Amino acid sequence: MLFLVLVVIVVVLGFFMIQQLDERRWQRYQFERDMFFRNHPLLIQDLEDFHYVLKLSHATQRKMITEQMLKVSTQPIYKKVRVQRLPETRQEKYHIQVLLNDIKIAELERNYAQQFGKCLVKTDFEIGRPIEVLAEILVLQKNSCEQICQMRLSLPQDPNEIVNLLVAEQVTLSSKVQAPQTK
């Protein structure tokens, strides 16, 4: 009887240890996947026109002007930004934010984000891979002591066209990071 109790305890402890190891392996995979995504975002073809105008809050405008050291100019400044999906909420499946140097600038308009996300369901964007997009930034003098910042993205007017603009990937996640096997 004592031998049977010891066998059950060893089996339960072994199962618990295997479960913990698998959980750590999964967390490591997610970390490596996120690092890979950060270094290898999805790319889209640069459009000639900057169709999507971002609505920036006053605080965001001030932060961008200060941190990016932007000056008033009639010539626009072009920078690469990342468009990334946020975890879904109960109300909305797709919240998509725009990041400039890992600083959240704004979110895409709700209806545009929903269509944008639906078109990219079968890509890595669905699991968190950002898309690198060219942004046009214009800093204007509002009055004698205040500057404003406008930002437009090189995204199509119709979000359903985004799939056609994705550049073929040179490196895929599966070639760099192997997903843990499920039981």
C-alpha atoms as a PDB file:
ATOM      1  CA  MET A   1       0.000   0.000   0.000  1.00  0.00           C
ATOM      2  CA  LEU A   2       2.834   2.400   0.876  1.00  0.00           C
ATOM      3  CA  PHE A   3       4.483   1.604  -2.452  1.00  0.00           C
ATOM      4  CA  LEU A   4       1.265   2.500  -4.335  1.00  0.00           C
ATOM      5  CA  VAL A   5       0.983   5.831  -2.458  1.00  0.00           C
ATOM      6  CA  LEU A   6       4.614   6.666  -3.319  1.00  0.00           C
ATOM      7  CA  VAL A   7       4.028   5.841  -6.994  1.00  0.00           C
ATOM      8  CA  VAL A   8       0.959   8.113  -7.092  1.00  0.00           C
ATOM      9  CA  ILE A   9       2.902  10.945  -5.417  1.00  0.00           C
ATOM     10  CA  VAL A  10       5.812  10.558  -7.851  1.00  0.00           C
ATOM     11  CA  VAL A  11       3.418  10.542 -10.844  1.00  0.00           C
ATOM     12  CA  VAL A  12       1.609  13.672  -9.596  1.00  0.00           C
ATOM     13  CA  LEU A  13       4.892  15.498  -8.920  1.00  0.00           C
ATOM     14  CA  GLY A  14       6.263  14.415 -12.301  1.00  0.00           C
ATOM     15  CA  PHE A  15       3.137  15.681 -14.054  1.00  0.00           C
ATOM     16  CA  PHE A  16       3.384  18.999 -12.178  1.00  0.00           C
ATOM     17  CA  MET A  17       7.078  19.408 -13.098  1.00  0.00           C
ATOM     18  CA  ILE A  18       6.445  18.613 -16.772  1.00  0.00           C
ATOM     19  CA  GLN A  19       3.619  21.138 -16.829  1.00  0.00           C
ATOM     20  CA  GLN A  20       5.883  23.825 -15.306  1.00  0.00           C
ATOM     21  CA  LEU A  21       8.661  23.095 -17.820  1.00  0.00           C
ATOM     22  CA  ASP A  22       6.205  23.306 -20.700  1.00  0.00           C
ATOM     23  CA  GLU A  23       4.855  26.607 -19.398  1.00  0.00           C
ATOM     24  CA  ARG A  24       8.382  28.071 -19.163  1.00  0.00           C
ATOM     25  CA  ARG A  25       9.180  26.831 -22.674  1.00  0.00           C
ATOM     26  CA  TRP A  26       6.016  28.493 -23.993  1.00  0.00           C
ATOM     27  CA  GLN A  27       6.898  31.778 -22.266  1.00  0.00           C
ATOM     28  CA  ARG A  28      10.409  31.653 -23.738  1.00  0.00           C
ATOM     29  CA  TYR A  29       8.965  31.029 -27.198  1.00  0.00           C
ATOM     30  CA  GLN A  30       6.609  34.011 -26.839  1.00  0.00           C
ATOM     31  CA  PHE A  31       9.512  36.232 -25.764  1.00  0.00           C
ATOM     32  CA  GLU A  32      11.660  35.101 -28.709  1.00  0.00           C
ATOM     33  CA  ARG A  33       8.722  35.563 -31.085  1.00  0.00           C
ATOM     34  CA  ASP A  34       8.149  39.113 -29.820  1.00  0.00           C
ATOM     35  CA  MET A  35      11.843  39.953 -30.243  1.00  0.00           C
ATOM     36  CA  PHE A  36      11.803  38.523 -33.764  1.00  0.00           C
ATOM     37  CA  PHE A  37       8.681  40.550 -34.610  1.00  0.00           C
ATOM     38  CA  ARG A  38      10.317  43.713 -33.282  1.00  0.00           C
ATOM     39  CA  ASN A  39      13.381  43.178 -35.475  1.00  0.00           C
ATOM     40  CA  HIS A  40      11.483  41.961 -38.557  1.00  0.00           C
ATOM     41  CA  PRO A  41       8.181  43.822 -38.928  1.00  0.00           C
ATOM     42  CA  LEU A  42       5.871  43.277 -41.872  1.00  0.00           C
ATOM     43  CA  LEU A  43       6.515  45.782 -44.656  1.00  0.00           C
ATOM     44  CA  ILE A  44       4.120  47.404 -47.076  1.00  0.00           C
ATOM     45  CA  GLN A  45       4.843  49.174 -50.318  1.00  0.00           C
ATOM     46  CA  ASP A  46       5.264  52.892 -49.808  1.00  0.00           C
ATOM     47  CA  LEU A  47       2.380  54.743 -51.390  1.00  0.00           C
ATOM     48  CA  GLU A  48       2.906  58.012 -53.198  1.00  0.00           C
ATOM     49  CA  ASP A  49       0.084  59.628 -51.244  1.00  0.00           C
ATOM     50  CA  PHE A  50      -0.353  59.750 -47.515  1.00  0.00           C
ATOM     51  CA  HIS A  51      -4.067  59.040 -47.262  1.00  0.00           C
ATOM     52  CA  TYR A  52      -4.577  58.306 -43.589  1.00  0.00           C
ATOM     53  CA  VAL A  53      -4.522  61.366 -41.312  1.00  0.00           C
ATOM     54  CA  LEU A  54      -3.905  60.629 -37.633  1.00  0.00           C
ATOM     55  CA  LYS A  55      -5.750  62.573 -35.000  1.00  0.00           C
ATOM     56  CA  LEU A  56      -3.128  63.572 -32.445  1.00  0.00           C
ATOM     57  CA  SER A  57      -3.941  64.885 -29.009  1.00  0.00           C
ATOM     58  CA  HIS A  58      -2.323  68.132 -27.895  1.00  0.00           C
ATOM     59  CA  ALA A  59      -0.184  66.244 -25.357  1.00  0.00           C
ATOM     60  CA  THR A  60       1.012  63.813 -28.030  1.00  0.00           C
ATOM     61  CA  GLN A  61       1.884  66.684 -30.370  1.00  0.00           C
ATOM     62  CA  ARG A  62       3.955  68.370 -27.656  1.00  0.00           C
ATOM     63  CA  LYS A  63       5.659  65.074 -26.789  1.00  0.00           C
ATOM     64  CA  MET A  64       6.544  64.380 -30.427  1.00  0.00           C
ATOM     65  CA  ILE A  65       7.893  67.889 -31.026  1.00  0.00           C
ATOM     66  CA  THR A  66       9.967  67.727 -27.846  1.00  0.00           C
ATOM     67  CA  GLU A  67      11.297  64.164 -28.019  1.00  0.00           C
ATOM     68  CA  GLN A  68      11.921  64.123 -31.766  1.00  0.00           C
ATOM     69  CA  MET A  69      13.303  67.697 -31.648  1.00  0.00           C
ATOM     70  CA  LEU A  70      11.095  68.752 -34.535  1.00  0.00           C
ATOM     71  CA  LYS A  71      11.290  72.303 -35.869  1.00  0.00           C
ATOM     72  CA  VAL A  72       8.722  74.371 -37.723  1.00  0.00           C
ATOM     73  CA  SER A  73       9.177  73.792 -41.426  1.00  0.00           C
ATOM     74  CA  THR A  74       7.266  73.913 -44.673  1.00  0.00           C
ATOM     75  CA  GLN A  75       8.940  70.658 -45.696  1.00  0.00           C
ATOM     76  CA  PRO A  76       7.472  67.483 -44.203  1.00  0.00           C
ATOM     77  CA  ILE A  77       9.619  65.054 -42.265  1.00  0.00           C
ATOM     78  CA  TYR A  78       9.400  61.367 -43.155  1.00  0.00           C
ATOM     79  CA  LYS A  79       9.788  58.728 -40.464  1.00  0.00           C
ATOM     80  CA  LYS A  80       9.042  55.038 -40.178  1.00  0.00           C
ATOM     81  CA  VAL A  81       6.311  54.177 -37.682  1.00  0.00           C
ATOM     82  CA  ARG A  82       4.870  50.853 -36.621  1.00  0.00           C
ATOM     83  CA  VAL A  83       1.240  49.911 -36.727  1.00  0.00           C
ATOM     84  CA  GLN A  84       0.545  47.183 -34.175  1.00  0.00           C
ATOM     85  CA  ARG A  85      -2.503  45.312 -32.960  1.00  0.00           C
ATOM     86  CA  LEU A  86      -3.445  45.563 -29.295  1.00  0.00           C
ATOM     87  CA  PRO A  87      -5.152  42.688 -27.463  1.00  0.00           C
ATOM     88  CA  GLU A  88      -8.852  42.529 -28.201  1.00  0.00           C
ATOM     89  CA  THR A  89     -11.498  43.780 -25.808  1.00  0.00           C
ATOM     90  CA  ARG A  90     -15.060  42.645 -25.286  1.00  0.00           C
ATOM     91  CA  GLN A  91     -16.425  45.453 -27.447  1.00  0.00           C
ATOM     92  CA  GLU A  92     -13.890  45.435 -30.272  1.00  0.00           C
ATOM     93  CA  LYS A  93     -11.691  42.771 -31.742  1.00  0.00           C
ATOM     94  CA  TYR A  94      -9.171  45.146 -33.328  1.00  0.00           C
ATOM     95  CA  HIS A  95      -7.490  48.050 -31.562  1.00  0.00           C
ATOM     96  CA  ILE A  96      -4.544  49.175 -33.643  1.00  0.00           C
ATOM     97  CA  GLN A  97      -1.981  51.611 -32.314  1.00  0.00           C
ATOM     98  CA  VAL A  98       0.684  53.643 -34.065  1.00  0.00           C
ATOM     99  CA  LEU A  99       4.152  53.712 -32.495  1.00  0.00           C
ATOM    100  CA  LEU A 100       7.068  56.020 -33.228  1.00  0.00           C
ATOM    101  CA  ASN A 101      10.283  54.730 -31.628  1.00  0.00           C
ATOM    102  CA  ASP A 102       8.201  52.644 -29.166  1.00  0.00           C
ATOM    103  CA  ILE A 103       6.185  55.712 -28.136  1.00  0.00           C
ATOM    104  CA  LYS A 104       2.444  55.369 -28.624  1.00  0.00           C
ATOM    105  CA  ILE A 105       1.307  58.178 -30.887  1.00  0.00           C
ATOM    106  CA  ALA A 106      -2.336  57.358 -31.552  1.00  0.00           C
ATOM    107  CA  GLU A 107      -4.806  54.626 -32.449  1.00  0.00           C
ATOM    108  CA  LEU A 108      -6.342  54.089 -35.852  1.00  0.00           C
ATOM    109  CA  GLU A 109      -9.972  55.129 -36.193  1.00  0.00           C
ATOM    110  CA  ARG A 110     -12.303  52.343 -34.998  1.00  0.00           C
ATOM    111  CA  ASN A 111     -14.019  51.411 -38.284  1.00  0.00           C
ATOM    112  CA  TYR A 112     -10.778  51.621 -40.247  1.00  0.00           C
ATOM    113  CA  ALA A 113      -9.029  49.440 -37.643  1.00  0.00           C
ATOM    114  CA  GLN A 114     -11.776  46.794 -37.805  1.00  0.00           C
ATOM    115  CA  GLN A 115     -11.533  46.505 -41.596  1.00  0.00           C
ATOM    116  CA  PHE A 116      -7.734  46.681 -41.472  1.00  0.00           C
ATOM    117  CA  GLY A 117      -7.543  43.840 -38.961  1.00  0.00           C
ATOM    118  CA  LYS A 118     -10.060  41.642 -40.777  1.00  0.00           C
ATOM    119  CA  CYS A 119      -7.992  41.844 -43.964  1.00  0.00           C
ATOM    120  CA  LEU A 120      -4.858  40.699 -42.151  1.00  0.00           C
ATOM    121  CA  VAL A 121      -6.347  37.696 -40.333  1.00  0.00           C
ATOM    122  CA  LYS A 122      -4.114  35.167 -42.099  1.00  0.00           C
ATOM    123  CA  THR A 123      -0.875  37.054 -41.448  1.00  0.00           C
ATOM    124  CA  ASP A 124       1.424  37.376 -38.435  1.00  0.00           C
ATOM    125  CA  PHE A 125      -0.210  40.751 -37.750  1.00  0.00           C
ATOM    126  CA  GLU A 126      -2.989  38.786 -36.048  1.00  0.00           C
ATOM    127  CA  ILE A 127      -0.577  37.510 -33.383  1.00  0.00           C
ATOM    128  CA  GLY A 128       1.258  40.771 -32.784  1.00  0.00           C
ATOM    129  CA  ARG A 129       3.731  41.370 -35.604  1.00  0.00           C
ATOM    130  CA  PRO A 130       3.823  45.113 -36.376  1.00  0.00           C
ATOM    131  CA  ILE A 131       3.674  46.644 -39.834  1.00  0.00           C
ATOM    132  CA  GLU A 132       6.265  49.285 -40.680  1.00  0.00           C
ATOM    133  CA  VAL A 133       4.719  52.270 -42.461  1.00  0.00           C
ATOM    134  CA  LEU A 134       6.124  55.557 -43.694  1.00  0.00           C
ATOM    135  CA  ALA A 135       4.721  58.622 -41.943  1.00  0.00           C
ATOM    136  CA  GLU A 136       4.731  62.239 -43.054  1.00  0.00           C
ATOM    137  CA  ILE A 137       5.094  64.686 -40.166  1.00  0.00           C
ATOM    138  CA  LEU A 138       4.503  68.384 -40.582  1.00  0.00           C
ATOM    139  CA  VAL A 139       5.188  70.929 -37.832  1.00  0.00           C
ATOM    140  CA  LEU A 140       3.424  74.270 -38.198  1.00  0.00           C
ATOM    141  CA  GLN A 141       3.405  77.494 -36.198  1.00  0.00           C
ATOM    142  CA  LYS A 142      -0.120  77.932 -34.766  1.00  0.00           C
ATOM    143  CA  ASN A 143       0.556  81.308 -33.163  1.00  0.00           C
ATOM    144  CA  SER A 144       3.567  83.174 -31.843  1.00  0.00           C
ATOM    145  CA  CYS A 145       4.274  80.701 -29.030  1.00  0.00           C
ATOM    146  CA  GLU A 146       2.543  77.464 -30.015  1.00  0.00           C
ATOM    147  CA  GLN A 147       3.380  74.813 -32.576  1.00  0.00           C
ATOM    148  CA  ILE A 148       1.153  72.058 -33.898  1.00  0.00           C
ATOM    149  CA  CYS A 149       2.084  68.732 -35.379  1.00  0.00           C
ATOM    150  CA  GLN A 150       0.220  66.877 -38.120  1.00  0.00           C
ATOM    151  CA  MET A 151       0.890  63.272 -39.084  1.00  0.00           C
ATOM    152  CA  ARG A 152      -0.258  61.307 -42.110  1.00  0.00           C
ATOM    153  CA  LEU A 153       0.439  57.638 -42.788  1.00  0.00           C
ATOM    154  CA  SER A 154       1.179  55.898 -46.046  1.00  0.00           C
ATOM    155  CA  LEU A 155      -1.903  53.681 -45.736  1.00  0.00           C
ATOM    156  CA  PRO A 156      -4.584  53.209 -48.400  1.00  0.00           C
ATOM    157  CA  GLN A 157      -7.940  54.965 -48.113  1.00  0.00           C
ATOM    158  CA  ASP A 158      -9.649  51.593 -48.337  1.00  0.00           C
ATOM    159  CA  PRO A 159      -8.250  49.325 -45.577  1.00  0.00           C
ATOM    160  CA  ASN A 160      -9.205  46.247 -47.630  1.00  0.00           C
ATOM    161  CA  GLU A 161      -6.311  47.050 -50.008  1.00  0.00           C
ATOM    162  CA  ILE A 162      -3.670  46.534 -47.312  1.00  0.00           C
ATOM    163  CA  VAL A 163      -3.258  42.820 -48.094  1.00  0.00           C
ATOM    164  CA  ASN A 164      -2.294  43.644 -51.689  1.00  0.00           C
ATOM    165  CA  LEU A 165       0.354  46.097 -50.474  1.00  0.00           C
ATOM    166  CA  LEU A 166       2.223  43.704 -48.173  1.00  0.00           C
ATOM    167  CA  VAL A 167       5.758  43.084 -49.388  1.00  0.00           C
ATOM    168  CA  ALA A 168       6.713  39.416 -49.675  1.00  0.00           C
ATOM    169  CA  GLU A 169       8.576  38.433 -46.538  1.00  0.00           C
ATOM    170  CA  GLN A 170      12.208  37.410 -46.866  1.00  0.00           C
ATOM    171  CA  VAL A 171      12.403  35.845 -43.416  1.00  0.00           C
ATOM    172  CA  THR A 172       9.527  34.052 -41.757  1.00  0.00           C
ATOM    173  CA  LEU A 173       8.996  33.270 -38.121  1.00  0.00           C
ATOM    174  CA  SER A 174       8.982  29.524 -38.692  1.00  0.00           C
ATOM    175  CA  SER A 175      12.499  29.621 -40.153  1.00  0.00           C
ATOM    176  CA  LYS A 176      13.916  31.434 -37.116  1.00  0.00           C
ATOM    177  CA  VAL A 177      11.897  30.277 -34.097  1.00  0.00           C
ATOM    178  CA  GLN A 178      10.323  26.867 -33.748  1.00  0.00           C
ATOM    179  CA  ALA A 179       6.949  26.797 -32.012  1.00  0.00           C
ATOM    180  CA  PRO A 180       6.686  24.435 -29.049  1.00  0.00           C
ATOM    181  CA  GLN A 181       4.928  21.194 -29.867  1.00  0.00           C
ATOM    182  CA  THR A 182       1.524  20.787 -28.263  1.00  0.00           C
ATOM    183  CA  LYS A 183       0.483  17.548 -26.722  1.00  0.00           C
END
